[in-house]
Amino acid sequence: MQTSKYRRLPTYHSHNQKKKYTQFEQMPVVSVKTVTTVPMVVASDEESESKVQPPKSNKQQFRYVLLSLILAAGLSLWLMQDSVENYYQQTYHKNSILSKLKKYSWWQAGAKAGLVLNNGISWLNQNITSANHNVTTTFNQHVADADKNKATIAQKTQVAVQQNLQQTAKQDSIKSAFTLGAEDEVFFAGDSLMQGVAPHIQKWLSEGYGIKSVNLAKQSTGLTYPGFFNWPETIARTLNDNPRIKIMVIFLGPNDPWDIPDPHNGTRFISFASARWESMYRSRIQTIMDTARQHHVTVLWLTPPDMRRHKLNQQMVYLRQLTTDEVMRNHGFVVDTRTMLGSNGDEYTDTLMQPNGKKIKTRSADGIHFTISGQKIIARDIFNRFILPAQPNKNDYSNVH
């Protein structure tokens, strides 16, 4: 049977021929077209310009960030000009280029604004410290001490015994000056040399006797640049805030042999070791001694050892003599660190000969600072000068090494 070329349905040559596939007869072909209408909103030209903005280029963003950084740096420099100037003087021992701007009122206004800002921050820190102290005290009085009645009685008994020991020791004025009770504290002030010595003494006092201490040693500090760090003011503030301090140990000197900025003329400097320089340096020592005397604090002043560099060593000879004289005139105690490190006179040495013939290296490679052994030798000498209470702990620190 033949099939249609297009429909592929059976075809018949004769009308009389019987159709076998009647199910395919007259199949309707339906074509459906669907038209979808989508609504479109056409914005006006003004709305298009306001909503579609071209992105900023990288160059524009860089300019914006750079301008912000420059403005922030300029504002910081304007407010912190005094600190920057003091740091420059401390580092390079001359005035910076910023000093030329002090004649302008707008520059002076920045210094005043920075001072107000610093005072505000200091006031806030003091209030936070005071609030923390009040909260701690209240807690200890009403909560923590509630279950410690037995411990409190034992502590009071121990304090009474220590007070009796202290009263006996006060018969000798020197012993009295260095007698420490359980409630007394020791204050350490100085430069990087003290930063190495003080932690050893603090550890022995705390672990062996439960005695607290305050360590404010700060590197690169001295008495010649109070604008960078003012030790007389720091000591006065610390003694006011810590009435339990009994002994103050000071170690200063190696950072001081420099010309001092003239307080009456900031563009000039006073030559080191000149008569005026010595007068100013002595006055700063006396201020510290007067403050200590007002608070009934014993002062133990450590003079610097010999130095490897000849020029610095000669400067230390001068400062040792000056400091010793001024401290002793104000009823303080002076300790010469040269003898305990094995120095003979004013000659530098970096080793110490022990009684058994063994040498100990006491100075670091820079010829200024101490090795750990040197730190402990000085710390032991200072620690053994204290008259300590009956030892509550088992470890014996009476002759530490």
Protein backbone atom coordinates (compact mmCIF):
# COMPACT_ATOMS: atom_id res chain seq x y z
CA MET A 1 0.00 0.00 0.00
CA GLN A 2 1.31 3.37 -0.88
CA THR A 3 1.61 6.13 1.65
CA SER A 4 1.24 9.86 1.31
CA LYS A 5 4.46 11.79 0.92
CA TYR A 6 3.48 14.41 3.49
CA ARG A 7 1.04 12.85 5.94
CA ARG A 8 2.41 9.38 5.84
CA LEU A 9 -1.16 8.05 5.85
CA PRO A 10 -2.35 5.20 3.71
CA THR A 11 -3.72 6.16 0.28
CA TYR A 12 -6.21 4.29 -1.85
CA HIS A 13 -6.35 4.10 -5.62
CA SER A 14 -10.00 3.21 -5.73
CA HIS A 15 -12.93 4.68 -3.95
CA ASN A 16 -14.37 1.25 -3.67
CA GLN A 17 -11.34 -0.11 -1.88
CA LYS A 18 -12.03 -0.74 1.76
CA LYS A 19 -10.27 1.60 4.15
CA LYS A 20 -8.33 -0.19 6.81
CA TYR A 21 -7.18 2.75 8.85
CA THR A 22 -10.28 4.69 9.61
CA GLN A 23 -8.87 6.14 12.82
CA PHE A 24 -6.61 8.43 10.82
CA GLU A 25 -9.28 9.87 8.70
CA GLN A 26 -9.56 13.66 8.58
CA MET A 27 -7.21 14.46 11.50
CA PRO A 28 -7.54 18.11 12.37
CA VAL A 29 -4.37 20.21 12.63
CA VAL A 30 -4.57 22.96 15.13
CA SER A 31 -2.02 25.78 15.42
CA VAL A 32 -2.14 27.88 18.60
CA LYS A 33 -0.36 31.18 18.96
CA THR A 34 -0.18 32.81 22.39
CA VAL A 35 0.46 36.51 22.59
CA THR A 36 1.73 37.79 25.90
CA THR A 37 1.48 41.47 26.72
CA VAL A 38 4.18 42.79 29.08
CA PRO A 39 3.58 46.19 30.69
CA MET A 40 6.57 48.56 30.38
CA VAL A 41 7.27 51.62 32.48
CA VAL A 42 9.24 54.32 30.80
CA ALA A 43 11.02 56.63 33.21
CA SER A 44 11.56 60.25 32.49
CA ASP A 45 15.05 61.58 31.74
CA GLU A 46 15.38 63.25 35.15
CA GLU A 47 14.53 60.05 37.04
CA SER A 48 17.02 58.06 34.98
CA GLU A 49 19.82 60.47 35.74
CA SER A 50 19.06 60.47 39.49
CA LYS A 51 18.90 56.67 39.85
CA VAL A 52 21.72 55.59 37.59
CA GLN A 53 25.07 57.00 38.67
CA PRO A 54 28.35 56.00 37.13
CA PRO A 55 30.72 54.24 39.60
CA LYS A 56 33.69 56.20 40.88
CA SER A 57 36.97 55.40 39.25
CA ASN A 58 39.89 53.93 41.19
CA LYS A 59 41.73 57.21 40.84
CA GLN A 60 38.88 59.12 42.47
CA GLN A 61 38.70 56.63 45.35
CA PHE A 62 42.46 56.86 45.90
CA ARG A 63 42.28 60.65 46.02
CA TYR A 64 39.48 60.49 48.58
CA VAL A 65 41.40 58.06 50.84
CA LEU A 66 44.62 60.05 50.51
CA LEU A 67 42.86 63.31 51.39
CA SER A 68 41.25 61.68 54.44
CA LEU A 69 44.61 60.39 55.67
CA ILE A 70 46.27 63.77 55.19
CA LEU A 71 43.50 65.54 57.11
CA ALA A 72 43.65 62.99 59.96
CA ALA A 73 47.45 63.25 60.18
CA GLY A 74 47.32 67.02 60.16
CA LEU A 75 44.69 67.11 62.90
CA SER A 76 46.68 64.66 65.04
CA LEU A 77 49.86 66.69 64.59
CA TRP A 78 47.99 69.90 65.44
CA LEU A 79 46.63 68.42 68.67
CA MET A 80 49.75 66.44 69.71
CA GLN A 81 52.37 69.03 68.75
CA ASP A 82 53.81 69.25 72.27
CA SER A 83 54.34 65.48 72.49
CA VAL A 84 55.94 65.40 69.05
CA GLU A 85 58.23 68.31 69.95
CA ASN A 86 59.25 66.70 73.25
CA TYR A 87 60.00 63.39 71.56
CA TYR A 88 62.11 65.13 68.91
CA GLN A 89 64.09 66.99 71.56
CA GLN A 90 64.60 63.80 73.58
CA THR A 91 65.81 61.89 70.51
CA TYR A 92 67.83 64.47 68.57
CA HIS A 93 68.55 67.05 71.32
CA LYS A 94 67.46 70.02 69.24
CA ASN A 95 64.23 71.77 68.29
CA SER A 96 62.13 70.41 65.44
CA ILE A 97 60.84 72.41 62.50
CA LEU A 98 57.45 72.57 64.23
CA SER A 99 58.86 75.04 66.77
CA LYS A 100 58.77 77.72 64.07
CA LEU A 101 54.98 77.51 64.00
CA LYS A 102 54.58 78.49 67.66
CA LYS A 103 54.37 82.17 66.74
CA TYR A 104 51.01 81.61 65.00
CA SER A 105 47.83 81.79 67.05
CA TRP A 106 46.13 78.98 65.15
CA TRP A 107 49.04 76.66 66.00
CA GLN A 108 48.93 77.70 69.67
CA ALA A 109 45.21 76.94 69.70
CA GLY A 110 46.02 73.33 68.73
CA ALA A 111 48.40 72.98 71.68
CA LYS A 112 45.70 74.26 74.05
CA ALA A 113 43.11 71.92 72.57
CA GLY A 114 45.52 68.97 72.89
CA LEU A 115 46.21 69.85 76.52
CA VAL A 116 42.47 69.96 77.26
CA LEU A 117 42.04 66.59 75.53
CA ASN A 118 44.90 64.99 77.48
CA ASN A 119 43.58 66.38 80.77
CA GLY A 120 40.16 64.99 79.96
CA ILE A 121 41.58 61.55 79.26
CA SER A 122 43.61 61.65 82.50
CA TRP A 123 40.52 62.71 84.45
CA LEU A 124 38.53 59.87 82.92
CA ASN A 125 41.24 57.31 83.74
CA GLN A 126 41.43 58.54 87.34
CA ASN A 127 37.67 58.26 87.74
CA ILE A 128 37.68 54.76 86.27
CA THR A 129 40.49 53.72 88.64
CA SER A 130 38.65 55.26 91.60
CA ALA A 131 35.39 53.54 90.63
CA ASN A 132 37.15 50.18 90.30
CA HIS A 133 38.76 50.65 93.70
CA ASN A 134 35.40 51.54 95.30
CA VAL A 135 33.68 48.54 93.73
CA THR A 136 36.46 46.19 94.86
CA THR A 137 36.47 47.62 98.38
CA THR A 138 32.68 47.31 98.68
CA PHE A 139 32.77 43.74 97.45
CA ASN A 140 35.52 42.77 99.86
CA GLN A 141 33.71 44.35 102.80
CA HIS A 142 30.23 42.97 102.16
CA VAL A 143 30.74 39.74 100.23
CA ALA A 144 34.24 38.33 100.12
CA ASP A 145 34.98 38.89 103.80
CA ALA A 146 31.73 37.33 104.95
CA ASP A 147 33.18 33.82 104.95
CA LYS A 148 36.69 34.74 106.07
CA ASN A 149 36.25 35.60 109.72
CA LYS A 150 38.79 33.06 110.86
CA ALA A 151 41.33 34.20 108.28
CA THR A 152 40.77 37.83 109.29
CA ILE A 153 41.44 37.07 112.95
CA ALA A 154 44.60 35.19 112.06
CA GLN A 155 45.73 38.02 109.79
CA LYS A 156 45.12 40.63 112.50
CA THR A 157 47.11 38.52 114.93
CA GLN A 158 49.96 38.27 112.46
CA VAL A 159 49.88 42.03 111.80
CA ALA A 160 50.05 42.68 115.54
CA VAL A 161 53.14 40.48 115.83
CA GLN A 162 54.76 42.27 112.89
CA GLN A 163 54.00 45.66 114.42
CA ASN A 164 55.79 44.60 117.61
CA LEU A 165 58.79 43.55 115.57
CA GLN A 166 58.77 46.87 113.73
CA GLN A 167 58.61 48.85 116.99
CA THR A 168 61.70 47.01 118.19
CA ALA A 169 63.52 47.70 114.92
CA LYS A 170 62.69 51.44 115.06
CA GLN A 171 65.20 51.89 117.85
CA ASP A 172 67.80 52.17 115.14
CA SER A 173 66.96 54.97 112.66
CA ILE A 174 68.52 53.23 109.66
CA LYS A 175 66.82 49.94 110.45
CA SER A 176 63.57 51.77 110.89
CA ALA A 177 63.92 53.43 107.50
CA PHE A 178 64.23 50.05 105.78
CA THR A 179 61.79 48.06 107.87
CA LEU A 180 58.89 46.66 105.86
CA GLY A 181 55.63 45.36 107.26
CA ALA A 182 53.16 43.10 105.50
CA GLU A 183 51.03 46.13 104.54
CA ASP A 184 53.94 48.27 103.32
CA GLU A 185 54.86 48.68 99.68
CA VAL A 186 58.05 49.39 97.74
CA PHE A 187 58.17 51.81 94.81
CA PHE A 188 60.67 51.37 91.95
CA ALA A 189 61.44 54.32 89.66
CA GLY A 190 64.09 54.53 86.97
CA ASP A 191 65.16 53.82 83.41
CA SER A 192 65.98 50.60 81.53
CA LEU A 193 68.59 49.65 84.16
CA MET A 194 65.82 49.55 86.75
CA GLN A 195 63.62 47.60 84.35
CA GLY A 196 66.12 44.74 84.65
CA VAL A 197 66.69 44.92 88.42
CA ALA A 198 63.25 45.65 89.89
CA PRO A 199 61.35 42.50 88.75
CA HIS A 200 63.70 40.23 90.74
CA ILE A 201 63.16 42.19 93.97
CA GLN A 202 59.41 42.33 93.33
CA LYS A 203 59.28 38.56 92.95
CA TRP A 204 61.20 37.90 96.17
CA LEU A 205 59.08 40.37 98.16
CA SER A 206 55.81 39.00 96.84
CA GLU A 207 56.51 35.26 96.92
CA GLY A 208 58.49 35.25 100.15
CA TYR A 209 56.66 37.87 102.24
CA GLY A 210 53.48 38.88 100.43
CA ILE A 211 54.73 42.48 100.15
CA LYS A 212 53.36 44.46 97.21
CA SER A 213 55.35 46.85 95.07
CA VAL A 214 54.91 49.46 92.34
CA ASN A 215 57.25 49.42 89.34
CA LEU A 216 57.09 52.41 86.97
CA ALA A 217 60.55 51.99 85.43
CA LYS A 218 60.54 53.31 81.87
CA GLN A 219 63.33 53.08 79.33
CA SER A 220 65.01 56.18 77.84
CA THR A 221 63.91 58.38 80.76
CA GLY A 222 65.80 60.63 83.14
CA LEU A 223 65.68 64.06 84.74
CA THR A 224 66.87 66.21 81.82
CA TYR A 225 63.75 66.03 79.61
CA PRO A 226 60.63 66.40 81.78
CA GLY A 227 58.62 67.18 78.65
CA PHE A 228 59.21 63.62 77.46
CA PHE A 229 58.69 62.02 80.89
CA ASN A 230 58.45 64.00 84.12
CA TRP A 231 59.78 61.89 87.00
CA PRO A 232 59.22 64.49 89.79
CA GLU A 233 55.53 64.78 88.85
CA THR A 234 55.14 61.03 88.34
CA ILE A 235 56.68 60.28 91.74
CA ALA A 236 54.49 62.88 93.48
CA ARG A 237 51.34 61.47 91.88
CA THR A 238 52.31 57.88 92.69
CA LEU A 239 53.00 58.64 96.37
CA ASN A 240 49.67 60.45 96.63
CA ASP A 241 47.80 57.52 95.10
CA ASN A 242 49.65 54.82 97.11
CA PRO A 243 49.89 55.86 100.78
CA ARG A 244 51.27 52.42 101.76
CA ILE A 245 54.59 53.02 99.99
CA LYS A 246 57.36 52.88 102.58
CA ILE A 247 60.54 52.73 100.49
CA MET A 248 61.32 54.24 97.10
CA VAL A 249 64.25 52.85 95.08
CA ILE A 250 65.51 55.08 92.24
CA PHE A 251 67.94 54.18 89.45
CA LEU A 252 68.60 57.04 86.96
CA GLY A 253 71.53 58.65 85.19
CA PRO A 254 72.67 57.12 81.87
CA ASN A 255 70.05 59.05 79.87
CA ASP A 256 70.85 62.41 81.48
CA PRO A 257 74.20 63.66 80.05
CA TRP A 258 72.57 65.93 77.47
CA ASP A 259 71.93 69.63 77.08
CA ILE A 260 68.68 70.70 78.76
CA PRO A 261 66.04 72.78 76.93
CA ASP A 262 65.88 76.27 78.41
CA PRO A 263 62.49 76.53 80.19
CA HIS A 264 62.44 80.30 79.55
CA ASN A 265 63.46 80.12 75.89
CA GLY A 266 62.45 77.00 74.02
CA THR A 267 64.82 77.71 71.14
CA ARG A 268 67.94 77.47 73.33
CA PHE A 269 69.60 74.68 75.28
CA ILE A 270 71.64 74.74 78.50
CA SER A 271 75.01 72.99 78.13
CA PHE A 272 75.58 69.77 80.03
CA ALA A 273 77.63 70.13 83.27
CA SER A 274 77.47 73.93 83.16
CA ALA A 275 76.67 75.78 86.39
CA ARG A 276 73.11 76.46 85.32
CA TRP A 277 72.66 72.86 84.14
CA GLU A 278 73.86 71.53 87.49
CA SER A 279 71.58 73.90 89.38
CA MET A 280 68.54 72.70 87.44
CA TYR A 281 69.49 69.03 87.83
CA ARG A 282 70.00 69.43 91.58
CA SER A 283 66.65 71.18 91.91
CA ARG A 284 64.88 68.24 90.29
CA ILE A 285 66.57 65.79 92.66
CA GLN A 286 65.61 68.00 95.59
CA THR A 287 62.00 68.13 94.42
CA ILE A 288 61.87 64.33 94.51
CA MET A 289 63.48 64.23 97.96
CA ASP A 290 61.07 66.85 99.31
CA THR A 291 58.09 64.88 98.01
CA ALA A 292 59.37 61.68 99.63
CA ARG A 293 59.96 63.44 102.95
CA GLN A 294 56.40 64.83 102.94
CA HIS A 295 55.07 61.29 102.57
CA HIS A 296 57.53 59.79 105.11
CA VAL A 297 59.09 57.59 102.42
CA THR A 298 62.67 56.34 102.58
CA VAL A 299 64.69 57.03 99.42
CA LEU A 300 67.34 54.55 98.27
CA TRP A 301 69.09 56.06 95.22
CA LEU A 302 71.28 53.81 93.03
CA THR A 303 74.09 55.56 91.14
CA PRO A 304 75.02 54.22 87.68
CA PRO A 305 78.01 51.91 87.22
CA ASP A 306 81.00 52.48 84.95
CA MET A 307 80.36 52.47 81.22
CA ARG A 308 82.44 51.00 78.41
CA ARG A 309 82.48 54.13 76.24
CA HIS A 310 85.03 56.55 77.67
CA LYS A 311 82.99 59.73 77.14
CA LEU A 312 79.84 58.27 78.70
CA ASN A 313 81.91 56.87 81.58
CA GLN A 314 83.36 60.31 82.36
CA GLN A 315 79.86 61.76 82.28
CA MET A 316 78.73 59.11 84.77
CA VAL A 317 81.61 60.05 87.10
CA TYR A 318 80.28 63.61 87.18
CA LEU A 319 76.65 62.55 87.64
CA ARG A 320 77.54 60.09 90.43
CA GLN A 321 79.26 62.82 92.42
CA LEU A 322 76.44 65.31 91.86
CA THR A 323 73.65 62.83 92.66
CA THR A 324 75.39 61.44 95.75
CA ASP A 325 75.95 64.90 97.18
CA GLU A 326 72.39 66.12 96.58
CA VAL A 327 70.65 62.96 97.82
CA MET A 328 72.71 62.76 101.01
CA ARG A 329 72.17 66.47 101.72
CA ASN A 330 68.43 65.71 101.68
CA HIS A 331 68.80 62.74 104.09
CA GLY A 332 68.50 60.02 101.48
CA PHE A 333 70.52 56.82 101.11
CA VAL A 334 72.90 56.24 98.17
CA VAL A 335 74.10 52.89 96.81
CA ASP A 336 77.13 52.77 94.50
CA THR A 337 76.51 49.93 92.04
CA ARG A 338 80.16 49.83 90.91
CA THR A 339 81.44 47.98 93.98
CA MET A 340 78.84 45.22 93.84
CA LEU A 341 79.70 44.58 90.15
CA GLY A 342 83.42 44.28 90.79
CA SER A 343 84.54 47.64 89.39
CA ASN A 344 87.79 49.09 90.70
CA GLY A 345 87.43 52.85 90.87
CA ASP A 346 86.17 54.38 87.63
CA GLU A 347 87.41 51.64 85.29
CA TYR A 348 84.87 49.56 83.39
CA THR A 349 84.74 45.82 83.93
CA ASP A 350 82.12 43.34 82.75
CA THR A 351 82.97 40.39 85.04
CA LEU A 352 82.89 39.69 88.76
CA MET A 353 85.30 37.32 90.48
CA GLN A 354 83.56 35.05 92.99
CA PRO A 355 85.23 33.75 96.18
CA ASN A 356 85.62 30.31 94.54
CA GLY A 357 87.62 31.87 91.69
CA LYS A 358 84.84 31.63 89.14
CA LYS A 359 84.10 34.69 86.99
CA ILE A 360 80.54 35.87 86.35
CA LYS A 361 79.71 38.08 83.37
CA THR A 362 77.69 41.00 84.70
CA ARG A 363 77.39 43.43 81.75
CA SER A 364 75.71 43.04 78.37
CA ALA A 365 77.39 43.53 75.00
CA ASP A 366 76.43 47.22 74.74
CA GLY A 367 78.59 48.08 77.76
CA ILE A 368 75.66 49.81 79.50
CA HIS A 369 73.06 47.29 80.61
CA PHE A 370 73.36 44.18 82.78
CA THR A 371 73.20 40.48 82.13
CA ILE A 372 70.64 38.50 84.14
CA SER A 373 73.43 37.60 86.57
CA GLY A 374 74.34 41.28 86.93
CA GLN A 375 70.69 42.19 87.50
CA LYS A 376 70.35 39.61 90.26
CA ILE A 377 73.57 40.75 91.98
CA ILE A 378 72.25 44.31 92.28
CA ALA A 379 68.77 43.08 93.19
CA ARG A 380 70.17 40.86 95.98
CA ASP A 381 72.16 43.77 97.42
CA ILE A 382 69.06 45.97 97.56
CA PHE A 383 66.79 43.19 98.83
CA ASN A 384 69.15 42.31 101.69
CA ARG A 385 68.99 45.91 102.95
CA PHE A 386 65.30 45.51 103.79
CA ILE A 387 64.30 44.44 107.28
CA LEU A 388 61.44 42.10 106.55
CA PRO A 389 58.68 40.69 108.74
CA ALA A 390 58.44 37.12 109.93
CA GLN A 391 58.39 35.06 106.78
CA PRO A 392 54.89 33.60 106.17
CA ASN A 393 56.00 31.48 103.20
CA LYS A 394 58.28 28.45 103.22
CA ASN A 395 60.84 29.67 100.66
CA ASP A 396 63.85 31.40 102.15
CA TYR A 397 64.78 34.64 100.34
CA SER A 398 66.98 36.11 103.05
CA ASN A 399 70.10 35.54 100.95
CA VAL A 400 68.86 35.00 97.43
CA HIS A 401 71.21 34.49 94.48
